[in-house]
Amino acid sequence: EAAGLLDAALTALRPFDDRGDDLRDLARFIVERDR
């Protein structure tokens, strides 16, 4: 569920950040680490 919320937040921020994919990878790393 947290991953879905992070994904939604990053998708919303994407228009303001051309490095959205980097942020998404970082968020995925954080989620995997906390598992």
PDB file of N, CA and C in Angstrom:
ATOM      1  N   GLU A   1       0.836  -1.200   0.000  1.00  0.00           N
ATOM      2  CA  GLU A   1       0.000   0.000   0.000  1.00  0.00           C
ATOM      3  C   GLU A   1       0.875   1.257   0.000  1.00  0.00           C
ATOM      4  N   ALA A   2       1.924   1.239   0.822  1.00  0.00           N
ATOM      5  CA  ALA A   2       2.829   2.395   0.845  1.00  0.00           C
ATOM      6  C   ALA A   2       3.448   2.621  -0.534  1.00  0.00           C
ATOM      7  N   ALA A   3       3.777   1.524  -1.204  1.00  0.00           N
ATOM      8  CA  ALA A   3       4.374   1.655  -2.536  1.00  0.00           C
ATOM      9  C   ALA A   3       3.400   2.330  -3.493  1.00  0.00           C
ATOM     10  N   GLY A   4       2.119   1.986  -3.376  1.00  0.00           N
ATOM     11  CA  GLY A   4       1.122   2.603  -4.236  1.00  0.00           C
ATOM     12  C   GLY A   4       0.992   4.089  -3.976  1.00  0.00           C
ATOM     13  N   LEU A   5       1.056   4.467  -2.700  1.00  0.00           N
ATOM     14  CA  LEU A   5       0.960   5.892  -2.357  1.00  0.00           C
ATOM     15  C   LEU A   5       2.182   6.638  -2.867  1.00  0.00           C
ATOM     16  N   LEU A   6       3.356   6.053  -2.706  1.00  0.00           N
ATOM     17  CA  LEU A   6       4.578   6.681  -3.212  1.00  0.00           C
ATOM     18  C   LEU A   6       4.500   6.833  -4.723  1.00  0.00           C
ATOM     19  N   ASP A   7       4.022   5.784  -5.382  1.00  0.00           N
ATOM     20  CA  ASP A   7       3.933   5.817  -6.839  1.00  0.00           C
ATOM     21  C   ASP A   7       2.983   6.920  -7.288  1.00  0.00           C
ATOM     22  N   ALA A   8       1.868   7.053  -6.585  1.00  0.00           N
ATOM     23  CA  ALA A   8       0.901   8.091  -6.941  1.00  0.00           C
ATOM     24  C   ALA A   8       1.497   9.480  -6.728  1.00  0.00           C
ATOM     25  N   ALA A   9       2.212   9.644  -5.622  1.00  0.00           N
ATOM     26  CA  ALA A   9       2.823  10.944  -5.332  1.00  0.00           C
ATOM     27  C   ALA A   9       3.870  11.288  -6.386  1.00  0.00           C
ATOM     28  N   LEU A  10       4.695  10.311  -6.747  1.00  0.00           N
ATOM     29  CA  LEU A  10       5.733  10.575  -7.743  1.00  0.00           C
ATOM     30  C   LEU A  10       5.127  10.856  -9.105  1.00  0.00           C
ATOM     31  N   THR A  11       4.039  10.182  -9.421  1.00  0.00           N
ATOM     32  CA  THR A  11       3.365  10.433 -10.698  1.00  0.00           C
ATOM     33  C   THR A  11       2.831  11.864 -10.724  1.00  0.00           C
ATOM     34  N   ALA A  12       2.311  12.315  -9.585  1.00  0.00           N
ATOM     35  CA  ALA A  12       1.778  13.677  -9.511  1.00  0.00           C
ATOM     36  C   ALA A  12       2.899  14.705  -9.641  1.00  0.00           C
ATOM     37  N   LEU A  13       4.081  14.372  -9.130  1.00  0.00           N
ATOM     38  CA  LEU A  13       5.203  15.305  -9.182  1.00  0.00           C
ATOM     39  C   LEU A  13       5.915  15.296 -10.531  1.00  0.00           C
ATOM     40  N   ARG A  14       5.675  14.265 -11.320  1.00  0.00           N
ATOM     41  CA  ARG A  14       6.433  14.096 -12.565  1.00  0.00           C
ATOM     42  C   ARG A  14       6.443  15.331 -13.467  1.00  0.00           C
ATOM     43  N   PRO A  15       5.317  16.045 -13.641  1.00  0.00           N
ATOM     44  CA  PRO A  15       5.362  17.225 -14.521  1.00  0.00           C
ATOM     45  C   PRO A  15       6.353  18.288 -14.050  1.00  0.00           C
ATOM     46  N   PHE A  16       6.705  18.264 -12.766  1.00  0.00           N
ATOM     47  CA  PHE A  16       7.593  19.293 -12.219  1.00  0.00           C
ATOM     48  C   PHE A  16       9.032  18.810 -12.126  1.00  0.00           C
ATOM     49  N   ASP A  17       9.270  17.542 -12.467  1.00  0.00           N
ATOM     50  CA  ASP A  17      10.598  16.970 -12.248  1.00  0.00           C
ATOM     51  C   ASP A  17      10.944  16.025 -13.385  1.00  0.00           C
ATOM     52  N   ASP A  18      11.911  16.418 -14.218  1.00  0.00           N
ATOM     53  CA  ASP A  18      12.268  15.558 -15.349  1.00  0.00           C
ATOM     54  C   ASP A  18      13.107  14.368 -14.897  1.00  0.00           C
ATOM     55  N   ARG A  19      13.396  14.274 -13.586  1.00  0.00           N
ATOM     56  CA  ARG A  19      14.118  13.116 -13.064  1.00  0.00           C
ATOM     57  C   ARG A  19      13.173  12.213 -12.285  1.00  0.00           C
ATOM     58  N   GLY A  20      11.910  12.207 -12.674  1.00  0.00           N
ATOM     59  CA  GLY A  20      10.902  11.404 -11.975  1.00  0.00           C
ATOM     60  C   GLY A  20      11.283   9.929 -11.898  1.00  0.00           C
ATOM     61  N   ASP A  21      11.936   9.418 -12.943  1.00  0.00           N
ATOM     62  CA  ASP A  21      12.314   8.010 -12.919  1.00  0.00           C
ATOM     63  C   ASP A  21      13.351   7.748 -11.832  1.00  0.00           C
ATOM     64  N   ASP A  22      14.269   8.686 -11.631  1.00  0.00           N
ATOM     65  CA  ASP A  22      15.265   8.516 -10.569  1.00  0.00           C
ATOM     66  C   ASP A  22      14.585   8.492  -9.208  1.00  0.00           C
ATOM     67  N   LEU A  23      13.610   9.388  -9.007  1.00  0.00           N
ATOM     68  CA  LEU A  23      12.887   9.419  -7.736  1.00  0.00           C
ATOM     69  C   LEU A  23      12.110   8.125  -7.545  1.00  0.00           C
ATOM     70  N   ARG A  24      11.544   7.612  -8.617  1.00  0.00           N
ATOM     71  CA  ARG A  24      10.768   6.371  -8.532  1.00  0.00           C
ATOM     72  C   ARG A  24      11.686   5.213  -8.134  1.00  0.00           C
ATOM     73  N   ASP A  25      12.872   5.171  -8.726  1.00  0.00           N
ATOM     74  CA  ASP A  25      13.813   4.108  -8.374  1.00  0.00           C
ATOM     75  C   ASP A  25      14.226   4.221  -6.911  1.00  0.00           C
ATOM     76  N   LEU A  26      14.439   5.447  -6.441  1.00  0.00           N
ATOM     77  CA  LEU A  26      14.811   5.655  -5.043  1.00  0.00           C
ATOM     78  C   LEU A  26      13.685   5.208  -4.123  1.00  0.00           C
ATOM     79  N   ALA A  27      12.461   5.575  -4.464  1.00  0.00           N
ATOM     80  CA  ALA A  27      11.316   5.174  -3.640  1.00  0.00           C
ATOM     81  C   ALA A  27      11.192   3.649  -3.614  1.00  0.00           C
ATOM     82  N   ARG A  28      11.406   3.012  -4.758  1.00  0.00           N
ATOM     83  CA  ARG A  28      11.317   1.543  -4.811  1.00  0.00           C
ATOM     84  C   ARG A  28      12.387   0.924  -3.923  1.00  0.00           C
ATOM     85  N   PHE A  29      13.593   1.504  -3.932  1.00  0.00           N
ATOM     86  CA  PHE A  29      14.673   1.010  -3.093  1.00  0.00           C
ATOM     87  C   PHE A  29      14.293   1.116  -1.621  1.00  0.00           C
ATOM     88  N   ILE A  30      13.704   2.258  -1.237  1.00  0.00           N
ATOM     89  CA  ILE A  30      13.299   2.466   0.155  1.00  0.00           C
ATOM     90  C   ILE A  30      12.235   1.441   0.561  1.00  0.00           C
ATOM     91  N   VAL A  31      11.261   1.230  -0.322  1.00  0.00           N
ATOM     92  CA  VAL A  31      10.193   0.277  -0.018  1.00  0.00           C
ATOM     93  C   VAL A  31      10.767  -1.131   0.138  1.00  0.00           C
ATOM     94  N   GLU A  32      11.653  -1.525  -0.758  1.00  0.00           N
ATOM     95  CA  GLU A  32      12.250  -2.861  -0.678  1.00  0.00           C
ATOM     96  C   GLU A  32      13.072  -3.009   0.600  1.00  0.00           C
ATOM     97  N   ARG A  33      13.790  -1.973   0.978  1.00  0.00           N
ATOM     98  CA  ARG A  33      14.629  -2.009   2.169  1.00  0.00           C
ATOM     99  C   ARG A  33      13.782  -2.164   3.427  1.00  0.00           C
ATOM    100  N   ASP A  34      12.616  -1.511   3.439  1.00  0.00           N
ATOM    101  CA  ASP A  34      11.767  -1.542   4.642  1.00  0.00           C
ATOM    102  C   ASP A  34      10.968  -2.829   4.759  1.00  0.00           C
ATOM    103  N   ARG A  35      10.987  -3.654   3.737  1.00  0.00           N
ATOM    104  CA  ARG A  35      10.179  -4.862   3.736  1.00  0.00           C
ATOM    105  C   ARG A  35      10.631  -5.839   4.810  1.00  0.00           C
TER     106      ARG A  35
END
